[in-house]
Amino acid sequence: MDKKYSDMTPTELRTEIATLKEKARKAEQLGILNEFAVYERKALMAQAFLLNPDDFKPGEMYRIEGDPGVFFQLEYLKGRFGWGYRLGGDHYEEALPISMLTPVKEGM
């Protein structure tokens, strides 16, 4: 049985991320886009477990990795997900893995 990401060591997580990215690359080459998307999302989730949730502050603005020019207002954290709203959108609440959030200040 596979280990949960929360039970993996940082080394195991990095190995898992590399494996998932390689599977995603192969799926993309074969044109299996839904499989590619699944592996990419799994890699993002594994990356979230390498980050410290305490580094993400509710009330702050973040850029969304893979979605240039879009900003995310973080309202609260639950586990490895940041909950909040995309600015300029329909203003519905959504959750993103913290590995997708980059502080606006870093991007300048």
N, C-alpha and C. Protein backbone atom coordinates (compact mmCIF):
# COMPACT_ATOMS: atom_id res chain seq x y z
N MET A 1 0.84 -1.19 0.00
CA MET A 1 0.00 0.00 0.00
C MET A 1 0.88 1.25 0.00
N ASP A 2 0.47 2.26 -0.76
CA ASP A 2 1.22 3.50 -0.84
C ASP A 2 1.09 4.30 0.45
N LYS A 3 2.15 5.04 0.76
CA LYS A 3 2.13 5.92 1.92
C LYS A 3 1.37 7.20 1.59
N LYS A 4 0.76 7.78 2.59
CA LYS A 4 0.14 9.10 2.43
C LYS A 4 1.27 10.13 2.39
N TYR A 5 1.03 11.21 1.68
CA TYR A 5 2.05 12.27 1.61
C TYR A 5 2.41 12.78 2.99
N SER A 6 1.45 12.83 3.88
CA SER A 6 1.71 13.33 5.24
C SER A 6 2.64 12.41 6.03
N ASP A 7 2.76 11.15 5.62
CA ASP A 7 3.63 10.19 6.31
C ASP A 7 5.01 10.08 5.68
N MET A 8 5.22 10.75 4.55
CA MET A 8 6.49 10.65 3.83
C MET A 8 7.52 11.63 4.37
N THR A 9 8.78 11.24 4.27
CA THR A 9 9.89 12.14 4.61
C THR A 9 10.09 13.10 3.43
N PRO A 10 10.81 14.20 3.64
CA PRO A 10 11.08 15.12 2.52
C PRO A 10 11.77 14.41 1.34
N THR A 11 12.67 13.49 1.63
CA THR A 11 13.35 12.76 0.55
C THR A 11 12.36 11.90 -0.23
N GLU A 12 11.47 11.22 0.49
CA GLU A 12 10.45 10.41 -0.18
C GLU A 12 9.51 11.28 -1.01
N LEU A 13 9.17 12.45 -0.49
CA LEU A 13 8.30 13.37 -1.23
C LEU A 13 8.97 13.83 -2.52
N ARG A 14 10.25 14.18 -2.45
CA ARG A 14 10.97 14.63 -3.64
C ARG A 14 11.05 13.52 -4.69
N THR A 15 11.26 12.29 -4.23
CA THR A 15 11.29 11.15 -5.15
C THR A 15 9.92 10.96 -5.80
N GLU A 16 8.87 11.05 -5.00
CA GLU A 16 7.51 10.91 -5.51
C GLU A 16 7.19 12.01 -6.53
N ILE A 17 7.60 13.23 -6.24
CA ILE A 17 7.37 14.35 -7.15
C ILE A 17 8.07 14.10 -8.48
N ALA A 18 9.32 13.65 -8.43
CA ALA A 18 10.07 13.36 -9.66
C ALA A 18 9.38 12.26 -10.47
N THR A 19 8.90 11.22 -9.78
CA THR A 19 8.20 10.12 -10.46
C THR A 19 6.92 10.62 -11.11
N LEU A 20 6.16 11.43 -10.39
CA LEU A 20 4.90 11.96 -10.94
C LEU A 20 5.14 12.88 -12.13
N LYS A 21 6.18 13.69 -12.05
CA LYS A 21 6.49 14.59 -13.17
C LYS A 21 6.93 13.81 -14.41
N GLU A 22 7.66 12.72 -14.19
CA GLU A 22 8.06 11.87 -15.32
C GLU A 22 6.83 11.20 -15.95
N LYS A 23 5.92 10.71 -15.11
CA LYS A 23 4.67 10.11 -15.63
C LYS A 23 3.85 11.16 -16.39
N ALA A 24 3.82 12.38 -15.86
CA ALA A 24 3.09 13.45 -16.53
C ALA A 24 3.71 13.76 -17.88
N ARG A 25 5.02 13.81 -17.94
CA ARG A 25 5.72 14.08 -19.20
C ARG A 25 5.39 13.02 -20.24
N LYS A 26 5.43 11.75 -19.82
CA LYS A 26 5.11 10.65 -20.75
C LYS A 26 3.66 10.72 -21.22
N ALA A 27 2.75 11.00 -20.30
CA ALA A 27 1.33 11.11 -20.67
C ALA A 27 1.13 12.25 -21.67
N GLU A 28 1.82 13.37 -21.46
CA GLU A 28 1.70 14.50 -22.37
C GLU A 28 2.23 14.13 -23.76
N GLN A 29 3.36 13.43 -23.80
CA GLN A 29 3.93 13.00 -25.08
C GLN A 29 2.98 12.07 -25.83
N LEU A 30 2.25 11.24 -25.09
CA LEU A 30 1.32 10.30 -25.70
C LEU A 30 -0.03 10.96 -26.02
N GLY A 31 -0.19 12.22 -25.61
CA GLY A 31 -1.42 12.94 -25.88
C GLY A 31 -2.57 12.57 -24.96
N ILE A 32 -2.26 11.97 -23.81
CA ILE A 32 -3.30 11.60 -22.84
C ILE A 32 -3.40 12.75 -21.83
N LEU A 33 -4.13 13.78 -22.21
CA LEU A 33 -4.14 15.02 -21.43
C LEU A 33 -4.81 14.89 -20.07
N ASN A 34 -5.85 14.05 -19.96
CA ASN A 34 -6.49 13.90 -18.65
C ASN A 34 -5.54 13.22 -17.67
N GLU A 35 -4.77 12.24 -18.13
CA GLU A 35 -3.79 11.57 -17.27
C GLU A 35 -2.66 12.54 -16.90
N PHE A 36 -2.24 13.34 -17.87
CA PHE A 36 -1.23 14.37 -17.63
C PHE A 36 -1.68 15.30 -16.50
N ALA A 37 -2.93 15.76 -16.57
CA ALA A 37 -3.47 16.69 -15.56
C ALA A 37 -3.51 16.05 -14.17
N VAL A 38 -3.85 14.77 -14.11
CA VAL A 38 -3.92 14.07 -12.82
C VAL A 38 -2.52 14.00 -12.19
N TYR A 39 -1.52 13.63 -12.98
CA TYR A 39 -0.16 13.54 -12.44
C TYR A 39 0.38 14.90 -12.03
N GLU A 40 0.07 15.93 -12.80
CA GLU A 40 0.50 17.28 -12.45
C GLU A 40 -0.12 17.71 -11.12
N ARG A 41 -1.41 17.44 -10.92
CA ARG A 41 -2.09 17.83 -9.69
C ARG A 41 -1.55 17.05 -8.50
N LYS A 42 -1.26 15.75 -8.71
CA LYS A 42 -0.67 14.95 -7.62
C LYS A 42 0.70 15.49 -7.23
N ALA A 43 1.49 15.91 -8.22
CA ALA A 43 2.81 16.47 -7.93
C ALA A 43 2.67 17.77 -7.13
N LEU A 44 1.68 18.60 -7.48
CA LEU A 44 1.43 19.83 -6.72
C LEU A 44 1.05 19.52 -5.27
N MET A 45 0.24 18.49 -5.09
CA MET A 45 -0.15 18.11 -3.72
C MET A 45 1.06 17.63 -2.93
N ALA A 46 1.90 16.81 -3.55
CA ALA A 46 3.10 16.33 -2.86
C ALA A 46 4.01 17.51 -2.50
N GLN A 47 4.14 18.47 -3.42
CA GLN A 47 4.97 19.66 -3.15
C GLN A 47 4.43 20.45 -1.97
N ALA A 48 3.12 20.45 -1.79
CA ALA A 48 2.52 21.19 -0.67
C ALA A 48 3.01 20.65 0.67
N PHE A 49 3.33 19.37 0.72
CA PHE A 49 3.79 18.77 1.97
C PHE A 49 5.26 19.08 2.26
N LEU A 50 5.96 19.70 1.32
CA LEU A 50 7.32 20.17 1.56
C LEU A 50 7.33 21.59 2.10
N LEU A 51 6.17 22.24 2.10
CA LEU A 51 6.05 23.63 2.55
C LEU A 51 5.46 23.71 3.95
N ASN A 52 5.77 24.80 4.63
CA ASN A 52 5.24 25.04 5.97
C ASN A 52 3.99 25.92 5.86
N PRO A 53 2.83 25.41 6.23
CA PRO A 53 1.60 26.21 6.14
C PRO A 53 1.68 27.52 6.93
N ASP A 54 2.52 27.57 7.97
CA ASP A 54 2.66 28.79 8.77
C ASP A 54 3.27 29.94 7.97
N ASP A 55 3.89 29.62 6.82
CA ASP A 55 4.47 30.66 5.98
C ASP A 55 3.42 31.40 5.14
N PHE A 56 2.19 30.90 5.16
CA PHE A 56 1.10 31.49 4.39
C PHE A 56 0.15 32.20 5.35
N LYS A 57 -0.06 33.48 5.10
CA LYS A 57 -0.80 34.33 6.04
C LYS A 57 -2.17 34.71 5.51
N PRO A 58 -3.24 34.35 6.24
CA PRO A 58 -4.58 34.80 5.85
C PRO A 58 -4.63 36.32 5.74
N GLY A 59 -5.36 36.79 4.77
CA GLY A 59 -5.46 38.23 4.53
C GLY A 59 -4.47 38.74 3.51
N GLU A 60 -3.47 37.93 3.15
CA GLU A 60 -2.47 38.37 2.18
C GLU A 60 -2.85 37.93 0.78
N MET A 61 -2.23 38.58 -0.19
CA MET A 61 -2.47 38.33 -1.60
C MET A 61 -1.35 37.43 -2.14
N TYR A 62 -1.72 36.50 -3.01
CA TYR A 62 -0.76 35.57 -3.61
C TYR A 62 -0.98 35.47 -5.12
N ARG A 63 0.07 35.20 -5.84
CA ARG A 63 -0.03 34.86 -7.26
C ARG A 63 -0.34 33.37 -7.33
N ILE A 64 -1.01 32.95 -8.41
CA ILE A 64 -1.33 31.54 -8.59
C ILE A 64 -0.38 30.96 -9.64
N GLU A 65 0.40 29.98 -9.22
CA GLU A 65 1.33 29.32 -10.13
C GLU A 65 0.56 28.71 -11.30
N GLY A 66 1.03 28.98 -12.50
CA GLY A 66 0.39 28.44 -13.69
C GLY A 66 -0.78 29.26 -14.19
N ASP A 67 -1.05 30.39 -13.53
CA ASP A 67 -2.16 31.26 -13.96
C ASP A 67 -1.67 32.71 -13.88
N PRO A 68 -0.83 33.11 -14.83
CA PRO A 68 -0.20 34.44 -14.78
C PRO A 68 -1.22 35.57 -14.76
N GLY A 69 -0.93 36.56 -13.96
CA GLY A 69 -1.79 37.74 -13.88
C GLY A 69 -3.01 37.58 -13.00
N VAL A 70 -3.17 36.39 -12.39
CA VAL A 70 -4.32 36.15 -11.53
C VAL A 70 -3.85 36.17 -10.07
N PHE A 71 -4.59 36.85 -9.23
CA PHE A 71 -4.24 36.96 -7.83
C PHE A 71 -5.28 36.26 -6.96
N PHE A 72 -4.81 35.77 -5.82
CA PHE A 72 -5.64 35.00 -4.91
C PHE A 72 -5.58 35.64 -3.53
N GLN A 73 -6.74 35.99 -3.00
CA GLN A 73 -6.84 36.55 -1.65
C GLN A 73 -7.04 35.39 -0.68
N LEU A 74 -6.03 35.10 0.14
CA LEU A 74 -6.09 33.99 1.09
C LEU A 74 -6.93 34.38 2.30
N GLU A 75 -7.97 33.60 2.57
CA GLU A 75 -8.85 33.86 3.71
C GLU A 75 -8.45 33.00 4.92
N TYR A 76 -8.20 31.70 4.68
CA TYR A 76 -7.79 30.82 5.77
C TYR A 76 -7.15 29.56 5.20
N LEU A 77 -6.48 28.83 6.08
CA LEU A 77 -5.82 27.57 5.72
C LEU A 77 -6.54 26.42 6.37
N LYS A 78 -6.59 25.32 5.66
CA LYS A 78 -7.11 24.08 6.22
C LYS A 78 -6.23 22.97 5.67
N GLY A 79 -5.38 22.44 6.54
CA GLY A 79 -4.41 21.44 6.09
C GLY A 79 -3.41 22.07 5.15
N ARG A 80 -3.24 21.50 3.99
CA ARG A 80 -2.29 22.00 2.99
C ARG A 80 -2.98 22.80 1.89
N PHE A 81 -4.21 23.26 2.18
CA PHE A 81 -4.97 24.04 1.22
C PHE A 81 -5.19 25.45 1.74
N GLY A 82 -5.06 26.41 0.84
CA GLY A 82 -5.41 27.78 1.14
C GLY A 82 -6.78 28.06 0.55
N TRP A 83 -7.69 28.56 1.37
CA TRP A 83 -9.04 28.88 0.93
C TRP A 83 -9.17 30.38 0.75
N GLY A 84 -9.82 30.78 -0.33
CA GLY A 84 -9.99 32.20 -0.57
C GLY A 84 -10.67 32.46 -1.90
N TYR A 85 -10.33 33.62 -2.50
CA TYR A 85 -11.01 34.09 -3.71
C TYR A 85 -9.99 34.59 -4.73
N ARG A 86 -10.30 34.32 -6.00
CA ARG A 86 -9.52 34.91 -7.08
C ARG A 86 -10.03 36.34 -7.27
N LEU A 87 -9.11 37.27 -7.40
CA LEU A 87 -9.53 38.67 -7.60
C LEU A 87 -10.02 38.87 -9.02
N GLY A 88 -11.07 39.64 -9.16
CA GLY A 88 -11.63 39.94 -10.46
C GLY A 88 -12.52 38.84 -11.01
N GLY A 89 -12.69 37.76 -10.26
CA GLY A 89 -13.54 36.66 -10.73
C GLY A 89 -14.95 36.79 -10.20
N ASP A 90 -15.62 35.67 -10.10
CA ASP A 90 -17.00 35.63 -9.61
C ASP A 90 -17.07 35.72 -8.09
N HIS A 91 -15.93 35.77 -7.45
CA HIS A 91 -15.82 35.88 -5.99
C HIS A 91 -16.47 34.70 -5.27
N TYR A 92 -16.23 33.49 -5.80
CA TYR A 92 -16.67 32.30 -5.08
C TYR A 92 -15.46 31.69 -4.40
N GLU A 93 -15.70 31.11 -3.24
CA GLU A 93 -14.61 30.55 -2.44
C GLU A 93 -14.10 29.27 -3.09
N GLU A 94 -12.78 29.13 -3.10
CA GLU A 94 -12.17 27.91 -3.62
C GLU A 94 -10.92 27.59 -2.81
N ALA A 95 -10.45 26.36 -2.95
CA ALA A 95 -9.26 25.92 -2.25
C ALA A 95 -8.18 25.57 -3.26
N LEU A 96 -6.95 26.01 -2.97
CA LEU A 96 -5.81 25.68 -3.80
C LEU A 96 -4.71 25.09 -2.92
N PRO A 97 -3.97 24.10 -3.42
CA PRO A 97 -2.83 23.60 -2.64
C PRO A 97 -1.86 24.77 -2.41
N ILE A 98 -1.26 24.82 -1.24
CA ILE A 98 -0.36 25.94 -0.94
C ILE A 98 0.84 25.98 -1.88
N SER A 99 1.15 24.87 -2.52
CA SER A 99 2.27 24.85 -3.47
C SER A 99 1.96 25.67 -4.72
N MET A 100 0.71 26.05 -4.92
CA MET A 100 0.33 26.87 -6.08
C MET A 100 0.38 28.37 -5.75
N LEU A 101 0.61 28.71 -4.49
CA LEU A 101 0.56 30.12 -4.06
C LEU A 101 1.96 30.68 -3.90
N THR A 102 2.19 31.83 -4.53
CA THR A 102 3.46 32.55 -4.42
C THR A 102 3.17 33.94 -3.90
N PRO A 103 3.85 34.37 -2.84
CA PRO A 103 3.59 35.73 -2.34
C PRO A 103 3.80 36.77 -3.43
N VAL A 104 2.94 37.75 -3.50
CA VAL A 104 3.03 38.80 -4.51
C VAL A 104 4.38 39.51 -4.39
N LYS A 105 4.86 39.69 -3.19
CA LYS A 105 6.12 40.41 -2.96
C LYS A 105 7.31 39.71 -3.62
N GLU A 106 7.28 38.38 -3.70
CA GLU A 106 8.37 37.62 -4.32
C GLU A 106 8.40 37.80 -5.83
N GLY A 107 7.24 38.03 -6.41
CA GLY A 107 7.15 38.12 -7.86
C GLY A 107 7.58 39.47 -8.43
N MET A 108 7.92 40.42 -7.57
CA MET A 108 8.27 41.77 -8.03
C MET A 108 9.75 41.90 -8.27
